[in-house]
PDB file of N, CA and C in Angstrom:
ATOM      1  N   MET A   1       0.814  -1.185   0.000  1.00  0.00           N
ATOM      2  CA  MET A   1       0.000   0.000   0.000  1.00  0.00           C
ATOM      3  C   MET A   1       0.864   1.258   0.000  1.00  0.00           C
ATOM      4  N   GLY A   2       2.164   1.149   0.222  1.00  0.00           N
ATOM      5  CA  GLY A   2       3.050   2.316   0.225  1.00  0.00           C
ATOM      6  C   GLY A   2       3.552   2.612  -1.176  1.00  0.00           C
ATOM      7  N   ILE A   3       4.502   3.503  -1.248  1.00  0.00           N
ATOM      8  CA  ILE A   3       5.096   3.871  -2.538  1.00  0.00           C
ATOM      9  C   ILE A   3       6.178   2.854  -2.874  1.00  0.00           C
ATOM     10  N   SER A   4       6.110   2.297  -4.071  1.00  0.00           N
ATOM     11  CA  SER A   4       7.101   1.299  -4.478  1.00  0.00           C
ATOM     12  C   SER A   4       8.332   2.003  -5.047  1.00  0.00           C
ATOM     13  N   ILE A   5       9.375   1.234  -5.277  1.00  0.00           N
ATOM     14  CA  ILE A   5      10.626   1.772  -5.826  1.00  0.00           C
ATOM     15  C   ILE A   5      10.407   2.326  -7.237  1.00  0.00           C
ATOM     16  N   TRP A   6       9.517   1.701  -7.997  1.00  0.00           N
ATOM     17  CA  TRP A   6       9.268   2.159  -9.372  1.00  0.00           C
ATOM     18  C   TRP A   6       8.580   3.525  -9.369  1.00  0.00           C
ATOM     19  N   GLN A   7       7.671   3.714  -8.433  1.00  0.00           N
ATOM     20  CA  GLN A   7       7.001   5.017  -8.342  1.00  0.00           C
ATOM     21  C   GLN A   7       7.988   6.108  -7.936  1.00  0.00           C
ATOM     22  N   LEU A   8       8.906   5.783  -7.030  1.00  0.00           N
ATOM     23  CA  LEU A   8       9.924   6.753  -6.634  1.00  0.00           C
ATOM     24  C   LEU A   8      10.843   7.098  -7.803  1.00  0.00           C
ATOM     25  N   LEU A   9      11.200   6.111  -8.610  1.00  0.00           N
ATOM     26  CA  LEU A   9      12.052   6.375  -9.781  1.00  0.00           C
ATOM     27  C   LEU A   9      11.347   7.258 -10.799  1.00  0.00           C
ATOM     28  N   ILE A  10      10.065   7.053 -10.999  1.00  0.00           N
ATOM     29  CA  ILE A  10       9.297   7.894 -11.928  1.00  0.00           C
ATOM     30  C   ILE A  10       9.245   9.335 -11.422  1.00  0.00           C
ATOM     31  N   ILE A  11       9.012   9.508 -10.122  1.00  0.00           N
ATOM     32  CA  ILE A  11       8.987  10.855  -9.538  1.00  0.00           C
ATOM     33  C   ILE A  11      10.348  11.532  -9.678  1.00  0.00           C
ATOM     34  N   LEU A  12      11.425  10.794  -9.444  1.00  0.00           N
ATOM     35  CA  LEU A  12      12.778  11.334  -9.594  1.00  0.00           C
ATOM     36  C   LEU A  12      13.054  11.735 -11.041  1.00  0.00           C
ATOM     37  N   ALA A  13      12.622  10.913 -11.985  1.00  0.00           N
ATOM     38  CA  ALA A  13      12.821  11.237 -13.402  1.00  0.00           C
ATOM     39  C   ALA A  13      12.071  12.512 -13.786  1.00  0.00           C
ATOM     40  N   ILE A  14      10.846  12.660 -13.319  1.00  0.00           N
ATOM     41  CA  ILE A  14      10.067  13.869 -13.607  1.00  0.00           C
ATOM     42  C   ILE A  14      10.743  15.093 -12.988  1.00  0.00           C
ATOM     43  N   ALA A  15      11.247  14.961 -11.770  1.00  0.00           N
ATOM     44  CA  ALA A  15      11.935  16.076 -11.114  1.00  0.00           C
ATOM     45  C   ALA A  15      13.196  16.459 -11.872  1.00  0.00           C
ATOM     46  N   LEU A  16      13.938  15.476 -12.387  1.00  0.00           N
ATOM     47  CA  LEU A  16      15.140  15.766 -13.177  1.00  0.00           C
ATOM     48  C   LEU A  16      14.797  16.517 -14.455  1.00  0.00           C
ATOM     49  N   VAL A  17      13.708  16.129 -15.101  1.00  0.00           N
ATOM     50  CA  VAL A  17      13.306  16.785 -16.336  1.00  0.00           C
ATOM     51  C   VAL A  17      12.867  18.231 -16.053  1.00  0.00           C
ATOM     52  N   ILE A  18      12.117  18.426 -14.994  1.00  0.00           N
ATOM     53  CA  ILE A  18      11.595  19.763 -14.697  1.00  0.00           C
ATOM     54  C   ILE A  18      12.690  20.696 -14.182  1.00  0.00           C
ATOM     55  N   PHE A  19      13.468  20.270 -13.204  1.00  0.00           N
ATOM     56  CA  PHE A  19      14.424  21.159 -12.555  1.00  0.00           C
ATOM     57  C   PHE A  19      15.842  21.055 -13.098  1.00  0.00           C
ATOM     58  N   GLY A  20      16.223  19.924 -13.596  1.00  0.00           N
ATOM     59  CA  GLY A  20      17.595  19.732 -14.051  1.00  0.00           C
ATOM     60  C   GLY A  20      18.483  19.274 -12.912  1.00  0.00           C
ATOM     61  N   THR A  21      19.614  18.713 -13.268  1.00  0.00           N
ATOM     62  CA  THR A  21      20.491  18.132 -12.251  1.00  0.00           C
ATOM     63  C   THR A  21      21.167  19.195 -11.394  1.00  0.00           C
ATOM     64  N   LYS A  22      21.521  20.341 -11.988  1.00  0.00           N
ATOM     65  CA  LYS A  22      22.232  21.373 -11.228  1.00  0.00           C
ATOM     66  C   LYS A  22      21.350  21.939 -10.110  1.00  0.00           C
ATOM     67  N   LYS A  23      20.094  22.239 -10.419  1.00  0.00           N
ATOM     68  CA  LYS A  23      19.211  22.794  -9.391  1.00  0.00           C
ATOM     69  C   LYS A  23      18.935  21.770  -8.299  1.00  0.00           C
ATOM     70  N   LEU A  24      18.768  20.502  -8.657  1.00  0.00           N
ATOM     71  CA  LEU A  24      18.544  19.476  -7.641  1.00  0.00           C
ATOM     72  C   LEU A  24      19.777  19.290  -6.765  1.00  0.00           C
ATOM     73  N   ARG A  25      20.967  19.368  -7.358  1.00  0.00           N
ATOM     74  CA  ARG A  25      22.212  19.255  -6.597  1.00  0.00           C
ATOM     75  C   ARG A  25      22.339  20.438  -5.627  1.00  0.00           C
ATOM     76  N   ASP A  26      22.035  21.643  -6.106  1.00  0.00           N
ATOM     77  CA  ASP A  26      22.081  22.824  -5.241  1.00  0.00           C
ATOM     78  C   ASP A  26      21.068  22.711  -4.109  1.00  0.00           C
ATOM     79  N   PHE A  27      19.871  22.242  -4.436  1.00  0.00           N
ATOM     80  CA  PHE A  27      18.830  22.074  -3.421  1.00  0.00           C
ATOM     81  C   PHE A  27      19.267  21.071  -2.357  1.00  0.00           C
ATOM     82  N   GLY A  28      19.847  19.968  -2.772  1.00  0.00           N
ATOM     83  CA  GLY A  28      20.330  18.955  -1.825  1.00  0.00           C
ATOM     84  C   GLY A  28      21.437  19.494  -0.935  1.00  0.00           C
ATOM     85  N   GLY A  29      22.350  20.267  -1.518  1.00  0.00           N
ATOM     86  CA  GLY A  29      23.430  20.867  -0.734  1.00  0.00           C
ATOM     87  C   GLY A  29      22.901  21.876   0.278  1.00  0.00           C
ATOM     88  N   ASP A  30      21.942  22.700  -0.141  1.00  0.00           N
ATOM     89  CA  ASP A  30      21.345  23.680   0.774  1.00  0.00           C
ATOM     90  C   ASP A  30      20.604  22.981   1.914  1.00  0.00           C
ATOM     91  N   LEU A  31      19.875  21.940   1.597  1.00  0.00           N
ATOM     92  CA  LEU A  31      19.132  21.205   2.612  1.00  0.00           C
ATOM     93  C   LEU A  31      20.090  20.534   3.602  1.00  0.00           C
ATOM     94  N   GLY A  32      21.147  19.932   3.088  1.00  0.00           N
ATOM     95  CA  GLY A  32      22.139  19.297   3.959  1.00  0.00           C
ATOM     96  C   GLY A  32      22.837  20.308   4.856  1.00  0.00           C
ATOM     97  N   GLY A  33      23.162  21.478   4.313  1.00  0.00           N
ATOM     98  CA  GLY A  33      23.797  22.523   5.115  1.00  0.00           C
ATOM     99  C   GLY A  33      22.876  23.037   6.208  1.00  0.00           C
ATOM    100  N   ALA A  34      21.605  23.177   5.882  1.00  0.00           N
ATOM    101  CA  ALA A  34      20.639  23.646   6.878  1.00  0.00           C
ATOM    102  C   ALA A  34      20.501  22.640   8.016  1.00  0.00           C
ATOM    103  N   ILE A  35      20.450  21.367   7.690  1.00  0.00           N
ATOM    104  CA  ILE A  35      20.340  20.326   8.717  1.00  0.00           C
ATOM    105  C   ILE A  35      21.595  20.309   9.586  1.00  0.00           C
ATOM    106  N   LYS A  36      22.771  20.462   8.975  1.00  0.00           N
ATOM    107  CA  LYS A  36      24.029  20.464   9.720  1.00  0.00           C
ATOM    108  C   LYS A  36      24.083  21.656  10.671  1.00  0.00           C
ATOM    109  N   ASN A  37      23.684  22.838  10.207  1.00  0.00           N
ATOM    110  CA  ASN A  37      23.674  24.021  11.067  1.00  0.00           C
ATOM    111  C   ASN A  37      22.686  23.864  12.221  1.00  0.00           C
ATOM    112  N   PHE A  38      21.540  23.271  11.944  1.00  0.00           N
ATOM    113  CA  PHE A  38      20.543  23.048  12.989  1.00  0.00           C
ATOM    114  C   PHE A  38      21.097  22.123  14.069  1.00  0.00           C
ATOM    115  N   LYS A  39      21.723  21.027  13.677  1.00  0.00           N
ATOM    116  CA  LYS A  39      22.291  20.095  14.647  1.00  0.00           C
ATOM    117  C   LYS A  39      23.393  20.760  15.470  1.00  0.00           C
ATOM    118  N   THR A  40      24.238  21.563  14.820  1.00  0.00           N
ATOM    119  CA  THR A  40      25.308  22.259  15.525  1.00  0.00           C
ATOM    120  C   THR A  40      24.732  23.231  16.544  1.00  0.00           C
ATOM    121  N   SER A  41      23.692  23.967  16.159  1.00  0.00           N
ATOM    122  CA  SER A  41      23.063  24.923  17.071  1.00  0.00           C
ATOM    123  C   SER A  41      22.441  24.224  18.264  1.00  0.00           C
ATOM    124  N   MET A  42      21.793  23.097  18.028  1.00  0.00           N
ATOM    125  CA  MET A  42      21.180  22.357  19.127  1.00  0.00           C
ATOM    126  C   MET A  42      22.247  21.831  20.089  1.00  0.00           C
ATOM    127  N   LYS A  43      23.369  21.366  19.557  1.00  0.00           N
ATOM    128  CA  LYS A  43      24.445  20.851  20.395  1.00  0.00           C
ATOM    129  C   LYS A  43      25.050  21.975  21.232  1.00  0.00           C
ATOM    130  N   GLU A  44      25.275  23.148  20.628  1.00  0.00           N
ATOM    131  CA  GLU A  44      25.840  24.283  21.353  1.00  0.00           C
ATOM    132  C   GLU A  44      24.883  24.775  22.428  1.00  0.00           C
ATOM    133  N   ALA A  45      23.603  24.801  22.137  1.00  0.00           N
ATOM    134  CA  ALA A  45      22.616  25.246  23.128  1.00  0.00           C
ATOM    135  C   ALA A  45      22.574  24.279  24.307  1.00  0.00           C
ATOM    136  N   GLY A  46      22.681  22.994  24.045  1.00  0.00           N
ATOM    137  CA  GLY A  46      22.688  22.003  25.115  1.00  0.00           C
ATOM    138  C   GLY A  46      23.920  22.129  25.992  1.00  0.00           C
ATOM    139  N   GLU A  47      25.077  22.387  25.379  1.00  0.00           N
ATOM    140  CA  GLU A  47      26.306  22.553  26.146  1.00  0.00           C
ATOM    141  C   GLU A  47      26.246  23.823  26.984  1.00  0.00           C
ATOM    142  N   LYS A  48      25.658  24.882  26.447  1.00  0.00           N
ATOM    143  CA  LYS A  48      25.554  26.141  27.167  1.00  0.00           C
ATOM    144  C   LYS A  48      24.647  25.975  28.383  1.00  0.00           C
ATOM    145  N   ASP A  49      23.556  25.236  28.242  1.00  0.00           N
ATOM    146  CA  ASP A  49      22.632  25.000  29.348  1.00  0.00           C
ATOM    147  C   ASP A  49      23.286  24.168  30.447  1.00  0.00           C
ATOM    148  N   GLU A  50      24.124  23.211  30.077  1.00  0.00           N
ATOM    149  CA  GLU A  50      24.776  22.365  31.065  1.00  0.00           C
ATOM    150  C   GLU A  50      25.811  23.140  31.866  1.00  0.00           C
ATOM    151  N   LYS A  51      26.496  24.090  31.246  1.00  0.00           N
ATOM    152  CA  LYS A  51      27.539  24.848  31.923  1.00  0.00           C
ATOM    153  C   LYS A  51      26.967  25.920  32.839  1.00  0.00           C
ATOM    154  N   LYS A  52      25.865  26.530  32.470  1.00  0.00           N
ATOM    155  CA  LYS A  52      25.290  27.640  33.219  1.00  0.00           C
ATOM    156  C   LYS A  52      24.254  27.113  34.214  1.00  0.00           C
ATOM    157  N   PRO A  53      24.532  27.250  35.530  1.00  0.00           N
ATOM    158  CA  PRO A  53      23.527  26.799  36.503  1.00  0.00           C
ATOM    159  C   PRO A  53      22.355  27.772  36.540  1.00  0.00           C
ATOM    160  N   ALA A  54      21.197  27.254  36.804  1.00  0.00           N
ATOM    161  CA  ALA A  54      19.998  28.076  36.873  1.00  0.00           C
ATOM    162  C   ALA A  54      20.003  28.887  38.159  1.00  0.00           C
ATOM    163  N   GLU A  55      19.337  30.035  38.142  1.00  0.00           N
ATOM    164  CA  GLU A  55      19.260  30.884  39.322  1.00  0.00           C
ATOM    165  C   GLU A  55      18.448  30.199  40.410  1.00  0.00           C
ATOM    166  N   GLY A  56      18.925  30.338  41.646  1.00  0.00           N
ATOM    167  CA  GLY A  56      18.160  29.838  42.783  1.00  0.00           C
ATOM    168  C   GLY A  56      18.126  28.325  42.891  1.00  0.00           C
ATOM    169  N   THR A  57      19.064  27.647  42.265  1.00  0.00           N
ATOM    170  CA  THR A  57      19.049  26.188  42.356  1.00  0.00           C
ATOM    171  C   THR A  57      19.529  25.756  43.727  1.00  0.00           C
ATOM    172  N   THR A  58      19.104  24.618  44.135  1.00  0.00           N
ATOM    173  CA  THR A  58      19.536  24.061  45.405  1.00  0.00           C
ATOM    174  C   THR A  58      20.500  22.925  45.141  1.00  0.00           C
ATOM    175  N   LYS A  59      21.063  22.395  46.231  1.00  0.00           N
ATOM    176  CA  LYS A  59      22.012  21.296  46.069  1.00  0.00           C
ATOM    177  C   LYS A  59      21.338  20.019  45.606  1.00  0.00           C
ATOM    178  N   LYS A  60      20.068  19.875  45.922  1.00  0.00           N
ATOM    179  CA  LYS A  60      19.338  18.675  45.547  1.00  0.00           C
ATOM    180  C   LYS A  60      19.052  18.708  44.040  1.00  0.00           C
ATOM    181  N   ILE A  61      19.396  17.666  43.354  1.00  0.00           N
ATOM    182  CA  ILE A  61      19.215  17.615  41.907  1.00  0.00           C
ATOM    183  C   ILE A  61      17.733  17.538  41.581  1.00  0.00           C
ATOM    184  N   GLY A  62      17.309  18.388  40.671  1.00  0.00           N
ATOM    185  CA  GLY A  62      15.937  18.377  40.222  1.00  0.00           C
ATOM    186  C   GLY A  62      14.995  19.210  41.077  1.00  0.00           C
ATOM    187  N   ALA A  63      15.501  19.808  42.164  1.00  0.00           N
ATOM    188  CA  ALA A  63      14.645  20.619  43.025  1.00  0.00           C
ATOM    189  C   ALA A  63      14.478  22.004  42.419  1.00  0.00           C
ATOM    190  N   LYS A  64      13.282  22.531  42.493  1.00  0.00           N
ATOM    191  CA  LYS A  64      13.005  23.871  41.979  1.00  0.00           C
ATOM    192  C   LYS A  64      12.609  24.758  43.148  1.00  0.00           C
ATOM    193  N   PRO A  65      13.117  26.002  43.181  1.00  0.00           N
ATOM    194  CA  PRO A  65      12.737  26.889  44.271  1.00  0.00           C
ATOM    195  C   PRO A  65      11.273  27.295  44.148  1.00  0.00           C
ATOM    196  N   ILE A  66      10.637  27.513  45.296  1.00  0.00           N
ATOM    197  CA  ILE A  66       9.247  27.946  45.316  1.00  0.00           C
ATOM    198  C   ILE A  66       9.246  29.458  45.472  1.00  0.00           C
ATOM    199  N   GLU A  67       8.585  30.133  44.562  1.00  0.00           N
ATOM    200  CA  GLU A  67       8.526  31.582  44.615  1.00  0.00           C
ATOM    201  C   GLU A  67       7.156  32.011  45.103  1.00  0.00           C
ATOM    202  N   GLY A  68       7.110  33.073  45.853  1.00  0.00           N
ATOM    203  CA  GLY A  68       5.845  33.598  46.312  1.00  0.00           C
ATOM    204  C   GLY A  68       6.018  34.354  47.618  1.00  0.00           C
ATOM    205  N   LYS A  69       4.948  34.884  48.106  1.00  0.00           N
ATOM    206  CA  LYS A  69       4.950  35.665  49.327  1.00  0.00           C
ATOM    207  C   LYS A  69       4.827  34.721  50.529  1.00  0.00           C
ATOM    208  N   VAL A  70       5.668  34.954  51.543  1.00  0.00           N
ATOM    209  CA  VAL A  70       5.650  34.119  52.731  1.00  0.00           C
ATOM    210  C   VAL A  70       4.670  34.731  53.727  1.00  0.00           C
ATOM    211  N   THR A  71       3.728  33.932  54.169  1.00  0.00           N
ATOM    212  CA  THR A  71       2.752  34.393  55.164  1.00  0.00           C
ATOM    213  C   THR A  71       2.689  33.379  56.281  1.00  0.00           C
ATOM    214  N   ALA A  72       2.267  33.846  57.444  1.00  0.00           N
ATOM    215  CA  ALA A  72       2.148  32.954  58.596  1.00  0.00           C
ATOM    216  C   ALA A  72       0.791  32.275  58.551  1.00  0.00           C
ATOM    217  N   LYS A  73       0.783  31.009  58.859  1.00  0.00           N
ATOM    218  CA  LYS A  73      -0.464  30.254  58.878  1.00  0.00           C
ATOM    219  C   LYS A  73      -1.049  30.324  60.278  1.00  0.00           C
ATOM    220  N   GLN A  74      -2.310  30.703  60.366  1.00  0.00           N
ATOM    221  CA  GLN A  74      -2.957  30.777  61.668  1.00  0.00           C
ATOM    222  C   GLN A  74      -3.593  29.434  62.008  1.00  0.00           C
ATOM    223  N   THR A  75      -3.390  29.028  63.252  1.00  0.00           N
ATOM    224  CA  THR A  75      -4.046  27.797  63.705  1.00  0.00           C
ATOM    225  C   THR A  75      -5.435  28.154  64.237  1.00  0.00           C
ATOM    226  N   SER A  76      -6.236  27.157  64.490  1.00  0.00           N
ATOM    227  CA  SER A  76      -7.591  27.412  64.986  1.00  0.00           C
ATOM    228  C   SER A  76      -7.559  28.093  66.358  1.00  0.00           C
ATOM    229  N   ARG A  77      -6.563  27.797  67.196  1.00  0.00           N
ATOM    230  CA  ARG A  77      -6.429  28.425  68.518  1.00  0.00           C
ATOM    231  C   ARG A  77      -6.142  29.920  68.388  1.00  0.00           C
ATOM    232  N   GLN A  78      -5.255  30.262  67.408  1.00  0.00           N
ATOM    233  CA  GLN A  78      -4.920  31.664  67.201  1.00  0.00           C
ATOM    234  C   GLN A  78      -6.110  32.449  66.680  1.00  0.00           C
ATOM    235  N   LYS A  79      -6.934  31.829  65.871  1.00  0.00           N
ATOM    236  CA  LYS A  79      -8.116  32.494  65.326  1.00  0.00           C
ATOM    237  C   LYS A  79      -9.111  32.788  66.437  1.00  0.00           C
ATOM    238  N   LYS A  80      -9.253  31.875  67.387  1.00  0.00           N
ATOM    239  CA  LYS A  80     -10.201  32.060  68.498  1.00  0.00           C
ATOM    240  C   LYS A  80      -9.756  33.195  69.408  1.00  0.00           C
ATOM    241  N   LYS A  81      -8.453  33.346  69.613  1.00  0.00           N
ATOM    242  CA  LYS A  81      -7.913  34.405  70.473  1.00  0.00           C
ATOM    243  C   LYS A  81      -8.092  35.780  69.836  1.00  0.00           C
ATOM    244  N   ALA A  82      -8.047  35.850  68.535  1.00  0.00           N
ATOM    245  CA  ALA A  82      -8.133  37.156  67.841  1.00  0.00           C
ATOM    246  C   ALA A  82      -9.488  37.692  67.713  1.00  0.00           C
TER     247      ALA A  82
END
């Protein structure tokens, strides 16, 4: 039910006739260069994240600081006195 090898060859032949070999070669080179640059950028971003510690990190791995306003919790006894 998928595309057979013969169908792929026919599509390739039509593309060669329409675009020519030089344009297809240039397109392949541009696509390969774009993929290579993308992989390099992803690798550099990952290395940069590993070297730079996040703000407010704790010694415990995977722990995230809790941000917010600190308030005192009133117990039921304190509420009765007030």
